[in-house]
Amino acid sequence: MERNAALEVAGLMCAAARTAPKTKGMDNIITLVLTDEEIVKISDKMMEIRKREFGEEDRHFTRDAKNILEAQGIPICISGKNVFFDRKSQ
């Protein structure tokens, strides 16, 4: 039940971003909600970056990488032209 509620809120956050007024009326945002395996991939990447950039000493990246594993979903809003996403495929 809580998972469904959390994902619904994340979806509403994406809808709010989509319907908010845009600069010059241009709608150039992409919204999505990361879940499950996607969150694990982000956490793993954060740990990889921590090791590469900070060694074993940094506690903040480690803490945050572990914390996101507890999330039901992570809303993402990308503004502007982005080469990683093709809007037609959404």
PDB file of N, CA and C in Angstrom:
ATOM      1  N   MET A   1       0.818  -1.193   0.000  1.00  0.00           N
ATOM      2  CA  MET A   1       0.000   0.000   0.000  1.00  0.00           C
ATOM      3  C   MET A   1       0.869   1.266   0.000  1.00  0.00           C
ATOM      4  N   GLU A   2       1.890   1.294   0.876  1.00  0.00           N
ATOM      5  CA  GLU A   2       2.751   2.475   0.937  1.00  0.00           C
ATOM      6  C   GLU A   2       3.532   2.665  -0.358  1.00  0.00           C
ATOM      7  N   ARG A   3       3.967   1.563  -0.969  1.00  0.00           N
ATOM      8  CA  ARG A   3       4.697   1.656  -2.234  1.00  0.00           C
ATOM      9  C   ARG A   3       3.834   2.322  -3.295  1.00  0.00           C
ATOM     10  N   ASN A   4       2.591   1.900  -3.404  1.00  0.00           N
ATOM     11  CA  ASN A   4       1.682   2.498  -4.394  1.00  0.00           C
ATOM     12  C   ASN A   4       1.498   3.985  -4.137  1.00  0.00           C
ATOM     13  N   ALA A   5       1.361   4.351  -2.872  1.00  0.00           N
ATOM     14  CA  ALA A   5       1.183   5.765  -2.523  1.00  0.00           C
ATOM     15  C   ALA A   5       2.428   6.567  -2.891  1.00  0.00           C
ATOM     16  N   ALA A   6       3.597   6.012  -2.574  1.00  0.00           N
ATOM     17  CA  ALA A   6       4.851   6.718  -2.892  1.00  0.00           C
ATOM     18  C   ALA A   6       5.012   6.911  -4.391  1.00  0.00           C
ATOM     19  N   LEU A   7       4.703   5.883  -5.162  1.00  0.00           N
ATOM     20  CA  LEU A   7       4.829   5.988  -6.616  1.00  0.00           C
ATOM     21  C   LEU A   7       3.782   6.935  -7.196  1.00  0.00           C
ATOM     22  N   GLU A   8       2.609   6.971  -6.591  1.00  0.00           N
ATOM     23  CA  GLU A   8       1.587   7.920  -7.047  1.00  0.00           C
ATOM     24  C   GLU A   8       2.052   9.354  -6.807  1.00  0.00           C
ATOM     25  N   VAL A   9       2.619   9.603  -5.638  1.00  0.00           N
ATOM     26  CA  VAL A   9       3.141  10.950  -5.346  1.00  0.00           C
ATOM     27  C   VAL A   9       4.254  11.313  -6.328  1.00  0.00           C
ATOM     28  N   ALA A  10       5.150  10.374  -6.606  1.00  0.00           N
ATOM     29  CA  ALA A  10       6.227  10.637  -7.571  1.00  0.00           C
ATOM     30  C   ALA A  10       5.642  10.974  -8.943  1.00  0.00           C
ATOM     31  N   GLY A  11       4.602  10.246  -9.334  1.00  0.00           N
ATOM     32  CA  GLY A  11       3.936  10.536 -10.604  1.00  0.00           C
ATOM     33  C   GLY A  11       3.288  11.907 -10.606  1.00  0.00           C
ATOM     34  N   LEU A  12       2.690  12.284  -9.477  1.00  0.00           N
ATOM     35  CA  LEU A  12       2.081  13.614  -9.369  1.00  0.00           C
ATOM     36  C   LEU A  12       3.144  14.713  -9.437  1.00  0.00           C
ATOM     37  N   MET A  13       4.315  14.441  -8.868  1.00  0.00           N
ATOM     38  CA  MET A  13       5.412  15.410  -8.964  1.00  0.00           C
ATOM     39  C   MET A  13       5.824  15.608 -10.426  1.00  0.00           C
ATOM     40  N   CYS A  14       5.868  14.524 -11.173  1.00  0.00           N
ATOM     41  CA  CYS A  14       6.195  14.618 -12.600  1.00  0.00           C
ATOM     42  C   CYS A  14       5.108  15.388 -13.353  1.00  0.00           C
ATOM     43  N   ALA A  15       3.855  15.128 -13.013  1.00  0.00           N
ATOM     44  CA  ALA A  15       2.749  15.840 -13.659  1.00  0.00           C
ATOM     45  C   ALA A  15       2.806  17.333 -13.337  1.00  0.00           C
ATOM     46  N   ALA A  16       3.158  17.666 -12.098  1.00  0.00           N
ATOM     47  CA  ALA A  16       3.266  19.078 -11.718  1.00  0.00           C
ATOM     48  C   ALA A  16       4.367  19.769 -12.510  1.00  0.00           C
ATOM     49  N   ALA A  17       5.469  19.087 -12.701  1.00  0.00           N
ATOM     50  CA  ALA A  17       6.553  19.660 -13.507  1.00  0.00           C
ATOM     51  C   ALA A  17       6.111  19.856 -14.956  1.00  0.00           C
ATOM     52  N   ARG A  18       5.384  18.902 -15.460  1.00  0.00           N
ATOM     53  CA  ARG A  18       4.912  18.969 -16.845  1.00  0.00           C
ATOM     54  C   ARG A  18       3.924  20.130 -17.036  1.00  0.00           C
ATOM     55  N   THR A  19       3.053  20.348 -16.071  1.00  0.00           N
ATOM     56  CA  THR A  19       2.000  21.354 -16.236  1.00  0.00           C
ATOM     57  C   THR A  19       2.401  22.740 -15.739  1.00  0.00           C
ATOM     58  N   ALA A  20       3.572  22.874 -15.115  1.00  0.00           N
ATOM     59  CA  ALA A  20       4.030  24.177 -14.627  1.00  0.00           C
ATOM     60  C   ALA A  20       4.337  25.096 -15.805  1.00  0.00           C
ATOM     61  N   PRO A  21       4.182  26.419 -15.611  1.00  0.00           N
ATOM     62  CA  PRO A  21       4.531  27.364 -16.680  1.00  0.00           C
ATOM     63  C   PRO A  21       5.989  27.211 -17.090  1.00  0.00           C
ATOM     64  N   LYS A  22       6.241  27.331 -18.361  1.00  0.00           N
ATOM     65  CA  LYS A  22       7.595  27.159 -18.908  1.00  0.00           C
ATOM     66  C   LYS A  22       8.093  28.479 -19.489  1.00  0.00           C
ATOM     67  N   THR A  23       9.410  28.644 -19.513  1.00  0.00           N
ATOM     68  CA  THR A  23      10.023  29.820 -20.110  1.00  0.00           C
ATOM     69  C   THR A  23       9.656  29.888 -21.589  1.00  0.00           C
ATOM     70  N   LYS A  24       9.161  31.024 -22.012  1.00  0.00           N
ATOM     71  CA  LYS A  24       8.760  31.258 -23.401  1.00  0.00           C
ATOM     72  C   LYS A  24       7.740  30.233 -23.885  1.00  0.00           C
ATOM     73  N   GLY A  25       7.058  29.559 -22.952  1.00  0.00           N
ATOM     74  CA  GLY A  25       6.037  28.591 -23.316  1.00  0.00           C
ATOM     75  C   GLY A  25       6.578  27.319 -23.942  1.00  0.00           C
ATOM     76  N   MET A  26       7.878  27.112 -23.861  1.00  0.00           N
ATOM     77  CA  MET A  26       8.491  25.934 -24.471  1.00  0.00           C
ATOM     78  C   MET A  26       8.505  24.771 -23.482  1.00  0.00           C
ATOM     79  N   ASP A  27       7.945  23.665 -23.895  1.00  0.00           N
ATOM     80  CA  ASP A  27       7.918  22.471 -23.060  1.00  0.00           C
ATOM     81  C   ASP A  27       9.092  21.590 -23.460  1.00  0.00           C
ATOM     82  N   ASN A  28      10.187  21.740 -22.730  1.00  0.00           N
ATOM     83  CA  ASN A  28      11.390  20.968 -23.070  1.00  0.00           C
ATOM     84  C   ASN A  28      11.861  20.139 -21.878  1.00  0.00           C
ATOM     85  N   ILE A  29      10.906  19.582 -21.137  1.00  0.00           N
ATOM     86  CA  ILE A  29      11.293  18.750 -20.011  1.00  0.00           C
ATOM     87  C   ILE A  29      10.945  17.288 -20.265  1.00  0.00           C
ATOM     88  N   ILE A  30      11.681  16.448 -19.595  1.00  0.00           N
ATOM     89  CA  ILE A  30      11.412  15.016 -19.603  1.00  0.00           C
ATOM     90  C   ILE A  30      11.280  14.608 -18.147  1.00  0.00           C
ATOM     91  N   THR A  31      10.242  13.878 -17.823  1.00  0.00           N
ATOM     92  CA  THR A  31      10.055  13.404 -16.460  1.00  0.00           C
ATOM     93  C   THR A  31       9.958  11.884 -16.469  1.00  0.00           C
ATOM     94  N   LEU A  32      10.434  11.298 -15.395  1.00  0.00           N
ATOM     95  CA  LEU A  32      10.325   9.852 -15.230  1.00  0.00           C
ATOM     96  C   LEU A  32      10.503   9.524 -13.759  1.00  0.00           C
ATOM     97  N   VAL A  33      10.140   8.307 -13.388  1.00  0.00           N
ATOM     98  CA  VAL A  33      10.316   7.841 -12.024  1.00  0.00           C
ATOM     99  C   VAL A  33      11.170   6.572 -12.078  1.00  0.00           C
ATOM    100  N   LEU A  34      12.299   6.619 -11.397  1.00  0.00           N
ATOM    101  CA  LEU A  34      13.167   5.450 -11.316  1.00  0.00           C
ATOM    102  C   LEU A  34      12.656   4.525 -10.216  1.00  0.00           C
ATOM    103  N   THR A  35      12.702   3.221 -10.459  1.00  0.00           N
ATOM    104  CA  THR A  35      12.270   2.238  -9.466  1.00  0.00           C
ATOM    105  C   THR A  35      13.211   1.047  -9.477  1.00  0.00           C
ATOM    106  N   ASP A  36      13.086   0.221  -8.485  1.00  0.00           N
ATOM    107  CA  ASP A  36      13.710  -1.102  -8.373  1.00  0.00           C
ATOM    108  C   ASP A  36      15.131  -1.171  -8.929  1.00  0.00           C
ATOM    109  N   GLU A  37      15.324  -1.908 -10.039  1.00  0.00           N
ATOM    110  CA  GLU A  37      16.663  -2.141 -10.583  1.00  0.00           C
ATOM    111  C   GLU A  37      17.357  -0.840 -10.972  1.00  0.00           C
ATOM    112  N   GLU A  38      16.583   0.149 -11.408  1.00  0.00           N
ATOM    113  CA  GLU A  38      17.176   1.436 -11.793  1.00  0.00           C
ATOM    114  C   GLU A  38      17.797   2.117 -10.574  1.00  0.00           C
ATOM    115  N   ILE A  39      17.117   2.027  -9.439  1.00  0.00           N
ATOM    116  CA  ILE A  39      17.646   2.618  -8.206  1.00  0.00           C
ATOM    117  C   ILE A  39      18.921   1.891  -7.780  1.00  0.00           C
ATOM    118  N   VAL A  40      18.925   0.583  -7.897  1.00  0.00           N
ATOM    119  CA  VAL A  40      20.125  -0.189  -7.559  1.00  0.00           C
ATOM    120  C   VAL A  40      21.290   0.236  -8.456  1.00  0.00           C
ATOM    121  N   LYS A  41      21.046   0.420  -9.743  1.00  0.00           N
ATOM    122  CA  LYS A  41      22.097   0.852 -10.666  1.00  0.00           C
ATOM    123  C   LYS A  41      22.654   2.221 -10.273  1.00  0.00           C
ATOM    124  N   ILE A  42      21.764   3.143  -9.890  1.00  0.00           N
ATOM    125  CA  ILE A  42      22.202   4.481  -9.460  1.00  0.00           C
ATOM    126  C   ILE A  42      23.051   4.364  -8.195  1.00  0.00           C
ATOM    127  N   SER A  43      22.596   3.574  -7.238  1.00  0.00           N
ATOM    128  CA  SER A  43      23.350   3.375  -5.996  1.00  0.00           C
ATOM    129  C   SER A  43      24.726   2.781  -6.284  1.00  0.00           C
ATOM    130  N   ASP A  44      24.775   1.770  -7.134  1.00  0.00           N
ATOM    131  CA  ASP A  44      26.055   1.158  -7.490  1.00  0.00           C
ATOM    132  C   ASP A  44      26.982   2.175  -8.156  1.00  0.00           C
ATOM    133  N   LYS A  45      26.435   3.000  -9.029  1.00  0.00           N
ATOM    134  CA  LYS A  45      27.236   4.020  -9.713  1.00  0.00           C
ATOM    135  C   LYS A  45      27.762   5.043  -8.711  1.00  0.00           C
ATOM    136  N   MET A  46      26.929   5.404  -7.739  1.00  0.00           N
ATOM    137  CA  MET A  46      27.374   6.339  -6.704  1.00  0.00           C
ATOM    138  C   MET A  46      28.550   5.765  -5.920  1.00  0.00           C
ATOM    139  N   MET A  47      28.503   4.472  -5.603  1.00  0.00           N
ATOM    140  CA  MET A  47      29.599   3.831  -4.880  1.00  0.00           C
ATOM    141  C   MET A  47      30.865   3.788  -5.747  1.00  0.00           C
ATOM    142  N   GLU A  48      30.686   3.546  -7.039  1.00  0.00           N
ATOM    143  CA  GLU A  48      31.815   3.548  -7.969  1.00  0.00           C
ATOM    144  C   GLU A  48      32.471   4.930  -8.013  1.00  0.00           C
ATOM    145  N   ILE A  49      31.654   5.971  -8.104  1.00  0.00           N
ATOM    146  CA  ILE A  49      32.172   7.346  -8.130  1.00  0.00           C
ATOM    147  C   ILE A  49      32.880   7.669  -6.823  1.00  0.00           C
ATOM    148  N   ARG A  50      32.291   7.255  -5.710  1.00  0.00           N
ATOM    149  CA  ARG A  50      32.910   7.509  -4.395  1.00  0.00           C
ATOM    150  C   ARG A  50      34.314   6.906  -4.349  1.00  0.00           C
ATOM    151  N   LYS A  51      34.426   5.659  -4.746  1.00  0.00           N
ATOM    152  CA  LYS A  51      35.733   4.992  -4.699  1.00  0.00           C
ATOM    153  C   LYS A  51      36.743   5.679  -5.610  1.00  0.00           C
ATOM    154  N   ARG A  52      36.290   6.056  -6.796  1.00  0.00           N
ATOM    155  CA  ARG A  52      37.188   6.687  -7.768  1.00  0.00           C
ATOM    156  C   ARG A  52      37.604   8.084  -7.328  1.00  0.00           C
ATOM    157  N   GLU A  53      36.660   8.868  -6.829  1.00  0.00           N
ATOM    158  CA  GLU A  53      36.921  10.277  -6.534  1.00  0.00           C
ATOM    159  C   GLU A  53      37.391  10.540  -5.103  1.00  0.00           C
ATOM    160  N   PHE A  54      36.938   9.728  -4.148  1.00  0.00           N
ATOM    161  CA  PHE A  54      37.198  10.029  -2.743  1.00  0.00           C
ATOM    162  C   PHE A  54      37.887   8.907  -1.979  1.00  0.00           C
ATOM    163  N   GLY A  55      38.060   7.759  -2.590  1.00  0.00           N
ATOM    164  CA  GLY A  55      38.642   6.630  -1.888  1.00  0.00           C
ATOM    165  C   GLY A  55      37.669   6.075  -0.859  1.00  0.00           C
ATOM    166  N   GLU A  56      38.198   5.451   0.142  1.00  0.00           N
ATOM    167  CA  GLU A  56      37.354   4.812   1.160  1.00  0.00           C
ATOM    168  C   GLU A  56      36.937   5.779   2.264  1.00  0.00           C
ATOM    169  N   GLU A  57      37.425   7.003   2.227  1.00  0.00           N
ATOM    170  CA  GLU A  57      37.215   7.933   3.331  1.00  0.00           C
ATOM    171  C   GLU A  57      35.861   8.636   3.333  1.00  0.00           C
ATOM    172  N   ASP A  58      35.254   8.809   2.187  1.00  0.00           N
ATOM    173  CA  ASP A  58      34.021   9.602   2.112  1.00  0.00           C
ATOM    174  C   ASP A  58      32.832   8.837   2.673  1.00  0.00           C
ATOM    175  N   ARG A  59      32.182   9.403   3.679  1.00  0.00           N
ATOM    176  CA  ARG A  59      31.006   8.784   4.287  1.00  0.00           C
ATOM    177  C   ARG A  59      29.716   9.256   3.627  1.00  0.00           C
ATOM    178  N   HIS A  60      29.724  10.457   3.067  1.00  0.00           N
ATOM    179  CA  HIS A  60      28.486  11.046   2.555  1.00  0.00           C
ATOM    180  C   HIS A  60      27.965  10.306   1.323  1.00  0.00           C
ATOM    181  N   PHE A  61      28.837  10.039   0.376  1.00  0.00           N
ATOM    182  CA  PHE A  61      28.415   9.295  -0.809  1.00  0.00           C
ATOM    183  C   PHE A  61      27.921   7.909  -0.416  1.00  0.00           C
ATOM    184  N   THR A  62      28.636   7.276   0.501  1.00  0.00           N
ATOM    185  CA  THR A  62      28.235   5.941   0.953  1.00  0.00           C
ATOM    186  C   THR A  62      26.859   5.995   1.602  1.00  0.00           C
ATOM    187  N   ARG A  63      26.671   6.946   2.501  1.00  0.00           N
ATOM    188  CA  ARG A  63      25.378   7.097   3.172  1.00  0.00           C
ATOM    189  C   ARG A  63      24.261   7.314   2.161  1.00  0.00           C
ATOM    190  N   ASP A  64      24.464   8.225   1.225  1.00  0.00           N
ATOM    191  CA  ASP A  64      23.429   8.548   0.251  1.00  0.00           C
ATOM    192  C   ASP A  64      23.160   7.384  -0.704  1.00  0.00           C
ATOM    193  N   ALA A  65      24.222   6.676  -1.108  1.00  0.00           N
ATOM    194  CA  ALA A  65      24.056   5.523  -1.993  1.00  0.00           C
ATOM    195  C   ALA A  65      23.224   4.437  -1.318  1.00  0.00           C
ATOM    196  N   LYS A  66      23.421   4.256  -0.020  1.00  0.00           N
ATOM    197  CA  LYS A  66      22.638   3.271   0.727  1.00  0.00           C
ATOM    198  C   LYS A  66      21.215   3.766   0.966  1.00  0.00           C
ATOM    199  N   ASN A  67      21.058   5.055   1.245  1.00  0.00           N
ATOM    200  CA  ASN A  67      19.727   5.614   1.532  1.00  0.00           C
ATOM    201  C   ASN A  67      18.776   5.487   0.352  1.00  0.00           C
ATOM    202  N   ILE A  68      19.259   5.710  -0.869  1.00  0.00           N
ATOM    203  CA  ILE A  68      18.324   5.651  -1.998  1.00  0.00           C
ATOM    204  C   ILE A  68      17.801   4.246  -2.236  1.00  0.00           C
ATOM    205  N   LEU A  69      18.509   3.230  -1.709  1.00  0.00           N
ATOM    206  CA  LEU A  69      18.018   1.854  -1.845  1.00  0.00           C
ATOM    207  C   LEU A  69      16.720   1.638  -1.065  1.00  0.00           C
ATOM    208  N   GLU A  70      16.433   2.532  -0.136  1.00  0.00           N
ATOM    209  CA  GLU A  70      15.196   2.452   0.649  1.00  0.00           C
ATOM    210  C   GLU A  70      14.026   3.150  -0.047  1.00  0.00           C
ATOM    211  N   ALA A  71      14.303   3.870  -1.124  1.00  0.00           N
ATOM    212  CA  ALA A  71      13.263   4.623  -1.833  1.00  0.00           C
ATOM    213  C   ALA A  71      12.386   3.688  -2.658  1.00  0.00           C
ATOM    214  N   GLN A  72      11.112   3.991  -2.703  1.00  0.00           N
ATOM    215  CA  GLN A  72      10.182   3.263  -3.565  1.00  0.00           C
ATOM    216  C   GLN A  72      10.315   3.734  -5.009  1.00  0.00           C
ATOM    217  N   GLY A  73      10.627   5.008  -5.155  1.00  0.00           N
ATOM    218  CA  GLY A  73      10.794   5.600  -6.478  1.00  0.00           C
ATOM    219  C   GLY A  73      11.527   6.922  -6.355  1.00  0.00           C
ATOM    220  N   ILE A  74      12.217   7.306  -7.409  1.00  0.00           N
ATOM    221  CA  ILE A  74      12.933   8.580  -7.438  1.00  0.00           C
ATOM    222  C   ILE A  74      12.450   9.359  -8.651  1.00  0.00           C
ATOM    223  N   PRO A  75      11.703  10.454  -8.420  1.00  0.00           N
ATOM    224  CA  PRO A  75      11.256  11.260  -9.559  1.00  0.00           C
ATOM    225  C   PRO A  75      12.434  12.039 -10.150  1.00  0.00           C
ATOM    226  N   ILE A  76      12.487  12.072 -11.471  1.00  0.00           N
ATOM    227  CA  ILE A  76      13.552  12.773 -12.193  1.00  0.00           C
ATOM    228  C   ILE A  76      12.892  13.749 -13.163  1.00  0.00           C
ATOM    229  N   CYS A  77      13.413  14.969 -13.180  1.00  0.00           N
ATOM    230  CA  CYS A  77      12.935  15.976 -14.126  1.00  0.00           C
ATOM    231  C   CYS A  77      14.166  16.566 -14.805  1.00  0.00           C
ATOM    232  N   ILE A  78      14.231  16.419 -16.118  1.00  0.00           N
ATOM    233  CA  ILE A  78      15.356  16.917 -16.899  1.00  0.00           C
ATOM    234  C   ILE A  78      14.848  18.080 -17.732  1.00  0.00           C
ATOM    235  N   SER A  79      15.548  19.199 -17.642  1.00  0.00           N
ATOM    236  CA  SER A  79      15.136  20.396 -18.369  1.00  0.00           C
ATOM    237  C   SER A  79      16.163  20.717 -19.439  1.00  0.00           C
ATOM    238  N   GLY A  80      15.675  21.123 -20.584  1.00  0.00           N
ATOM    239  CA  GLY A  80      16.558  21.510 -21.669  1.00  0.00           C
ATOM    240  C   GLY A  80      16.835  20.340 -22.594  1.00  0.00           C
ATOM    241  N   LYS A  81      17.519  20.610 -23.667  1.00  0.00           N
ATOM    242  CA  LYS A  81      17.857  19.568 -24.626  1.00  0.00           C
ATOM    243  C   LYS A  81      18.835  18.597 -23.980  1.00  0.00           C
ATOM    244  N   ASN A  82      18.544  17.326 -24.086  1.00  0.00           N
ATOM    245  CA  ASN A  82      19.375  16.316 -23.457  1.00  0.00           C
ATOM    246  C   ASN A  82      19.653  15.209 -24.462  1.00  0.00           C
ATOM    247  N   VAL A  83      20.910  14.900 -24.657  1.00  0.00           N
ATOM    248  CA  VAL A  83      21.277  13.907 -25.659  1.00  0.00           C
ATOM    249  C   VAL A  83      21.028  12.472 -25.206  1.00  0.00           C
ATOM    250  N   PHE A  84      20.719  12.273 -23.929  1.00  0.00           N
ATOM    251  CA  PHE A  84      20.522  10.912 -23.425  1.00  0.00           C
ATOM    252  C   PHE A  84      19.125  10.382 -23.639  1.00  0.00           C
ATOM    253  N   PHE A  85      18.176  11.245 -23.904  1.00  0.00           N
ATOM    254  CA  PHE A  85      16.789  10.826 -24.050  1.00  0.00           C
ATOM    255  C   PHE A  85      16.220  11.297 -25.365  1.00  0.00           C
ATOM    256  N   ASP A  86      15.464  10.448 -26.004  1.00  0.00           N
ATOM    257  CA  ASP A  86      14.772  10.785 -27.219  1.00  0.00           C
ATOM    258  C   ASP A  86      13.284  10.867 -26.874  1.00  0.00           C
ATOM    259  N   ARG A  87      12.708  12.045 -26.925  1.00  0.00           N
ATOM    260  CA  ARG A  87      11.307  12.239 -26.516  1.00  0.00           C
ATOM    261  C   ARG A  87      10.355  11.349 -27.299  1.00  0.00           C
ATOM    262  N   LYS A  88      10.677  11.046 -28.542  1.00  0.00           N
ATOM    263  CA  LYS A  88       9.786  10.227 -29.358  1.00  0.00           C
ATOM    264  C   LYS A  88       9.655   8.813 -28.798  1.00  0.00           C
ATOM    265  N   SER A  89      10.659   8.361 -28.054  1.00  0.00           N
ATOM    266  CA  SER A  89      10.610   7.000 -27.516  1.00  0.00           C
ATOM    267  C   SER A  89       9.868   6.930 -26.193  1.00  0.00           C
ATOM    268  N   GLN A  90       9.455   8.069 -25.662  1.00  0.00           N
ATOM    269  CA  GLN A  90       8.761   8.098 -24.363  1.00  0.00           C
ATOM    270  C   GLN A  90       7.279   7.875 -24.511  1.00  0.00           C
TER     271      GLN A  90
END
